[in-house]
Amino acid sequence: MVVGLVAFGLYGYLSQPGTIKTSYYEADASGKLKLVDRPSVNNPKPLVPLARLKPEPSIILEHADLLQLQVAQSAKLDALAKTWQERKREFQRQMGQEQKTAQPAAGSRISLSNLNVSLSEYSRLSVEYDLERQELWSRSLAVLDASQRQRIEKYLAGGSL
């Protein structure tokens, strides 16, 4: 019986599948495929930060020195940034309430119609939020002169100031 167990264990060990050999091909400089040991890792272009995709007045103020903002420009932008921060907090509070409304209490269920109403209200607030952010961004750009506006737009497109 011991011999049988040893034989069974040895058979099980020896019959295990080996590692799978994968072949990788990559194009060389001339475009011809060539066999390589492992694929090379492409370094993808870094993602653009959300702040650049959805700009707010504070971005301009963060670069006030590089944009050479005048005192009057800084004051107007500061007022716009404060207005936006207040509106943003209010939008976030309202959207948070809508999220809580959409979540049922422990052990209870929410009706489909109540869920639809809550989600539609959240969607409306989200659109309103983005429209107001865009409006304040446009007003912020209007404070800048043409050269400053061009520099900040170049920065937002991924360049440097």
C-alpha atoms as a PDB file:
ATOM      1  CA  MET A   1       0.000   0.000   0.000  1.00  0.00           C
ATOM      2  CA  VAL A   2       2.864   2.378   0.803  1.00  0.00           C
ATOM      3  CA  VAL A   3       4.431   1.578  -2.557  1.00  0.00           C
ATOM      4  CA  GLY A   4       1.102   2.392  -4.235  1.00  0.00           C
ATOM      5  CA  LEU A   5       0.870   5.783  -2.480  1.00  0.00           C
ATOM      6  CA  VAL A   6       4.468   6.624  -3.389  1.00  0.00           C
ATOM      7  CA  ALA A   7       3.864   5.573  -6.998  1.00  0.00           C
ATOM      8  CA  PHE A   8       0.649   7.614  -7.144  1.00  0.00           C
ATOM      9  CA  GLY A   9       2.394  10.671  -5.655  1.00  0.00           C
ATOM     10  CA  LEU A  10       5.334  10.318  -8.058  1.00  0.00           C
ATOM     11  CA  TYR A  11       2.980   9.940 -11.028  1.00  0.00           C
ATOM     12  CA  GLY A  12       1.004  13.019  -9.952  1.00  0.00           C
ATOM     13  CA  TYR A  13       4.164  15.060  -9.595  1.00  0.00           C
ATOM     14  CA  LEU A  14       5.639  14.010 -12.925  1.00  0.00           C
ATOM     15  CA  SER A  15       2.397  14.450 -14.874  1.00  0.00           C
ATOM     16  CA  GLN A  16       1.866  18.091 -13.860  1.00  0.00           C
ATOM     17  CA  PRO A  17       1.792  20.457 -16.816  1.00  0.00           C
ATOM     18  CA  GLY A  18       4.870  22.599 -17.273  1.00  0.00           C
ATOM     19  CA  THR A  19       4.978  26.330 -17.631  1.00  0.00           C
ATOM     20  CA  ILE A  20       3.308  27.668 -20.712  1.00  0.00           C
ATOM     21  CA  LYS A  21       5.774  29.112 -23.173  1.00  0.00           C
ATOM     22  CA  THR A  22       4.378  32.220 -24.800  1.00  0.00           C
ATOM     23  CA  SER A  23       5.954  33.744 -27.859  1.00  0.00           C
ATOM     24  CA  TYR A  24       6.039  37.508 -28.209  1.00  0.00           C
ATOM     25  CA  TYR A  25       6.603  39.365 -31.441  1.00  0.00           C
ATOM     26  CA  GLU A  26       7.383  43.033 -31.851  1.00  0.00           C
ATOM     27  CA  ALA A  27       8.052  45.199 -34.835  1.00  0.00           C
ATOM     28  CA  ASP A  28      11.597  46.437 -35.264  1.00  0.00           C
ATOM     29  CA  ALA A  29      12.545  49.842 -36.679  1.00  0.00           C
ATOM     30  CA  SER A  30      11.868  48.696 -40.240  1.00  0.00           C
ATOM     31  CA  GLY A  31       8.428  47.320 -39.292  1.00  0.00           C
ATOM     32  CA  LYS A  32       9.319  43.617 -39.538  1.00  0.00           C
ATOM     33  CA  LEU A  33       8.137  41.331 -36.750  1.00  0.00           C
ATOM     34  CA  LYS A  34      10.816  39.739 -34.644  1.00  0.00           C
ATOM     35  CA  LEU A  35      10.623  37.198 -31.800  1.00  0.00           C
ATOM     36  CA  VAL A  36      11.408  38.678 -28.364  1.00  0.00           C
ATOM     37  CA  ASP A  37      11.629  37.131 -24.881  1.00  0.00           C
ATOM     38  CA  ARG A  38       9.056  39.489 -23.376  1.00  0.00           C
ATOM     39  CA  PRO A  39       7.067  42.412 -24.659  1.00  0.00           C
ATOM     40  CA  SER A  40       8.548  45.831 -24.138  1.00  0.00           C
ATOM     41  CA  VAL A  41       6.568  48.163 -21.935  1.00  0.00           C
ATOM     42  CA  ASN A  42       5.254  51.247 -23.637  1.00  0.00           C
ATOM     43  CA  ASN A  43       5.209  54.280 -21.406  1.00  0.00           C
ATOM     44  CA  PRO A  44       1.775  55.721 -22.067  1.00  0.00           C
ATOM     45  CA  LYS A  45       1.407  59.463 -22.021  1.00  0.00           C
ATOM     46  CA  PRO A  46       0.375  60.473 -18.504  1.00  0.00           C
ATOM     47  CA  LEU A  47      -3.278  61.263 -18.073  1.00  0.00           C
ATOM     48  CA  VAL A  48      -4.239  64.911 -17.899  1.00  0.00           C
ATOM     49  CA  PRO A  49      -5.211  65.849 -14.338  1.00  0.00           C
ATOM     50  CA  LEU A  50      -8.913  66.482 -13.844  1.00  0.00           C
ATOM     51  CA  ALA A  51      -8.127  70.042 -12.780  1.00  0.00           C
ATOM     52  CA  ARG A  52      -6.951  70.720 -16.325  1.00  0.00           C
ATOM     53  CA  LEU A  53     -10.004  69.103 -17.879  1.00  0.00           C
ATOM     54  CA  LYS A  54     -12.419  70.967 -15.619  1.00  0.00           C
ATOM     55  CA  PRO A  55     -10.575  74.215 -14.850  1.00  0.00           C
ATOM     56  CA  GLU A  56     -11.559  76.488 -12.002  1.00  0.00           C
ATOM     57  CA  PRO A  57     -10.555  80.124 -11.311  1.00  0.00           C
ATOM     58  CA  SER A  58      -8.077  79.006  -8.640  1.00  0.00           C
ATOM     59  CA  ILE A  59      -5.811  77.520 -11.351  1.00  0.00           C
ATOM     60  CA  ILE A  60      -5.097  81.003 -12.672  1.00  0.00           C
ATOM     61  CA  LEU A  61      -4.379  82.300  -9.181  1.00  0.00           C
ATOM     62  CA  GLU A  62      -1.958  79.407  -8.551  1.00  0.00           C
ATOM     63  CA  HIS A  63       0.100  80.681 -11.497  1.00  0.00           C
ATOM     64  CA  ALA A  64      -0.280  84.399 -10.793  1.00  0.00           C
ATOM     65  CA  ASP A  65       3.467  85.046 -10.745  1.00  0.00           C
ATOM     66  CA  LEU A  66       4.148  83.252 -14.017  1.00  0.00           C
ATOM     67  CA  LEU A  67       1.215  84.979 -15.693  1.00  0.00           C
ATOM     68  CA  GLN A  68       2.331  88.320 -14.234  1.00  0.00           C
ATOM     69  CA  LEU A  69      -1.139  89.207 -13.011  1.00  0.00           C
ATOM     70  CA  GLN A  70      -1.800  92.805 -12.052  1.00  0.00           C
ATOM     71  CA  VAL A  71      -3.235  93.591  -8.624  1.00  0.00           C
ATOM     72  CA  ALA A  72      -6.675  94.399 -10.064  1.00  0.00           C
ATOM     73  CA  GLN A  73      -6.704  91.117 -12.013  1.00  0.00           C
ATOM     74  CA  SER A  74      -5.738  89.150  -8.901  1.00  0.00           C
ATOM     75  CA  ALA A  75      -8.508  90.818  -6.892  1.00  0.00           C
ATOM     76  CA  LYS A  76     -11.161  90.014  -9.519  1.00  0.00           C
ATOM     77  CA  LEU A  77      -9.932  86.424  -9.858  1.00  0.00           C
ATOM     78  CA  ASP A  78      -9.851  86.011  -6.086  1.00  0.00           C
ATOM     79  CA  ALA A  79     -13.498  87.140  -5.885  1.00  0.00           C
ATOM     80  CA  LEU A  80     -14.465  84.709  -8.684  1.00  0.00           C
ATOM     81  CA  ALA A  81     -12.566  81.867  -6.963  1.00  0.00           C
ATOM     82  CA  LYS A  82     -14.339  82.550  -3.649  1.00  0.00           C
ATOM     83  CA  THR A  83     -17.713  82.679  -5.401  1.00  0.00           C
ATOM     84  CA  TRP A  84     -16.991  79.371  -7.097  1.00  0.00           C
ATOM     85  CA  GLN A  85     -15.834  77.707  -3.853  1.00  0.00           C
ATOM     86  CA  GLU A  86     -19.061  78.736  -2.125  1.00  0.00           C
ATOM     87  CA  ARG A  87     -21.211  77.501  -5.018  1.00  0.00           C
ATOM     88  CA  LYS A  88     -19.157  74.300  -5.259  1.00  0.00           C
ATOM     89  CA  ARG A  89     -19.672  73.535  -1.562  1.00  0.00           C
ATOM     90  CA  GLU A  90     -23.424  74.093  -1.964  1.00  0.00           C
ATOM     91  CA  PHE A  91     -23.590  71.850  -5.035  1.00  0.00           C
ATOM     92  CA  GLN A  92     -21.613  69.135  -3.255  1.00  0.00           C
ATOM     93  CA  ARG A  93     -23.925  69.354  -0.231  1.00  0.00           C
ATOM     94  CA  GLN A  94     -27.017  69.051  -2.431  1.00  0.00           C
ATOM     95  CA  MET A  95     -25.554  66.186  -4.466  1.00  0.00           C
ATOM     96  CA  GLY A  96     -24.579  64.412  -1.240  1.00  0.00           C
ATOM     97  CA  GLN A  97     -28.160  64.694  -0.008  1.00  0.00           C
ATOM     98  CA  GLU A  98     -29.429  63.236  -3.277  1.00  0.00           C
ATOM     99  CA  GLN A  99     -26.997  60.324  -2.948  1.00  0.00           C
ATOM    100  CA  LYS A 100     -28.219  59.633   0.583  1.00  0.00           C
ATOM    101  CA  THR A 101     -31.818  59.752  -0.619  1.00  0.00           C
ATOM    102  CA  ALA A 102     -31.018  57.174  -3.300  1.00  0.00           C
ATOM    103  CA  GLN A 103     -29.577  54.745  -0.737  1.00  0.00           C
ATOM    104  CA  PRO A 104     -32.138  52.783   1.253  1.00  0.00           C
ATOM    105  CA  ALA A 105     -31.860  52.537   5.016  1.00  0.00           C
ATOM    106  CA  ALA A 106     -30.531  49.271   6.407  1.00  0.00           C
ATOM    107  CA  GLY A 107     -33.079  46.510   5.980  1.00  0.00           C
ATOM    108  CA  SER A 108     -35.431  48.575   3.818  1.00  0.00           C
ATOM    109  CA  ARG A 109     -35.993  48.961   0.111  1.00  0.00           C
ATOM    110  CA  ILE A 110     -36.387  51.991  -2.080  1.00  0.00           C
ATOM    111  CA  SER A 111     -38.971  52.081  -4.812  1.00  0.00           C
ATOM    112  CA  LEU A 112     -37.870  52.330  -8.411  1.00  0.00           C
ATOM    113  CA  SER A 113     -39.794  55.567  -8.919  1.00  0.00           C
ATOM    114  CA  ASN A 114     -38.112  57.185  -5.881  1.00  0.00           C
ATOM    115  CA  LEU A 115     -34.730  56.017  -7.141  1.00  0.00           C
ATOM    116  CA  ASN A 116     -35.420  57.486 -10.599  1.00  0.00           C
ATOM    117  CA  VAL A 117     -36.478  60.827  -9.101  1.00  0.00           C
ATOM    118  CA  SER A 118     -33.391  60.960  -6.900  1.00  0.00           C
ATOM    119  CA  LEU A 119     -31.011  60.038  -9.706  1.00  0.00           C
ATOM    120  CA  SER A 120     -32.590  62.508 -12.111  1.00  0.00           C
ATOM    121  CA  GLU A 121     -32.223  65.253  -9.498  1.00  0.00           C
ATOM    122  CA  TYR A 122     -28.565  64.287  -9.004  1.00  0.00           C
ATOM    123  CA  SER A 123     -28.020  64.388 -12.769  1.00  0.00           C
ATOM    124  CA  ARG A 124     -29.671  67.798 -13.004  1.00  0.00           C
ATOM    125  CA  LEU A 125     -27.456  69.121 -10.209  1.00  0.00           C
ATOM    126  CA  SER A 126     -24.389  67.660 -11.896  1.00  0.00           C
ATOM    127  CA  VAL A 127     -25.170  69.405 -15.187  1.00  0.00           C
ATOM    128  CA  GLU A 128     -25.947  72.656 -13.377  1.00  0.00           C
ATOM    129  CA  TYR A 129     -22.662  72.323 -11.453  1.00  0.00           C
ATOM    130  CA  ASP A 130     -20.657  71.930 -14.641  1.00  0.00           C
ATOM    131  CA  LEU A 131     -22.436  74.803 -16.405  1.00  0.00           C
ATOM    132  CA  GLU A 132     -21.790  77.140 -13.498  1.00  0.00           C
ATOM    133  CA  ARG A 133     -18.148  76.035 -13.258  1.00  0.00           C
ATOM    134  CA  GLN A 134     -17.748  76.716 -16.977  1.00  0.00           C
ATOM    135  CA  GLU A 135     -19.413  80.138 -16.627  1.00  0.00           C
ATOM    136  CA  LEU A 136     -17.042  81.163 -13.825  1.00  0.00           C
ATOM    137  CA  TRP A 137     -14.103  79.839 -15.832  1.00  0.00           C
ATOM    138  CA  SER A 138     -15.152  81.971 -18.824  1.00  0.00           C
ATOM    139  CA  ARG A 139     -15.495  85.012 -16.569  1.00  0.00           C
ATOM    140  CA  SER A 140     -12.020  84.275 -15.167  1.00  0.00           C
ATOM    141  CA  LEU A 141     -10.510  84.113 -18.648  1.00  0.00           C
ATOM    142  CA  ALA A 142     -12.167  87.447 -19.476  1.00  0.00           C
ATOM    143  CA  VAL A 143     -10.135  89.063 -16.678  1.00  0.00           C
ATOM    144  CA  LEU A 144      -6.879  88.094 -18.431  1.00  0.00           C
ATOM    145  CA  ASP A 145      -5.307  89.885 -21.354  1.00  0.00           C
ATOM    146  CA  ALA A 146      -4.815  88.041 -24.665  1.00  0.00           C
ATOM    147  CA  SER A 147      -1.235  86.962 -23.873  1.00  0.00           C
ATOM    148  CA  GLN A 148      -2.134  85.636 -20.426  1.00  0.00           C
ATOM    149  CA  ARG A 149      -5.177  83.836 -21.812  1.00  0.00           C
ATOM    150  CA  GLN A 150      -3.045  82.199 -24.493  1.00  0.00           C
ATOM    151  CA  ARG A 151      -0.484  81.059 -21.911  1.00  0.00           C
ATOM    152  CA  ILE A 152      -3.078  79.532 -19.570  1.00  0.00           C
ATOM    153  CA  GLU A 153      -4.822  77.762 -22.464  1.00  0.00           C
ATOM    154  CA  LYS A 154      -1.454  76.355 -23.578  1.00  0.00           C
ATOM    155  CA  TYR A 155      -0.863  75.141 -20.002  1.00  0.00           C
ATOM    156  CA  LEU A 156      -4.293  73.509 -19.863  1.00  0.00           C
ATOM    157  CA  ALA A 157      -3.558  71.742 -23.142  1.00  0.00           C
ATOM    158  CA  GLY A 158      -0.569  70.053 -21.483  1.00  0.00           C
ATOM    159  CA  GLY A 159       2.165  72.587 -22.090  1.00  0.00           C
ATOM    160  CA  SER A 160       4.043  74.738 -19.636  1.00  0.00           C
ATOM    161  CA  LEU A 161       3.554  78.367 -18.713  1.00  0.00           C
END
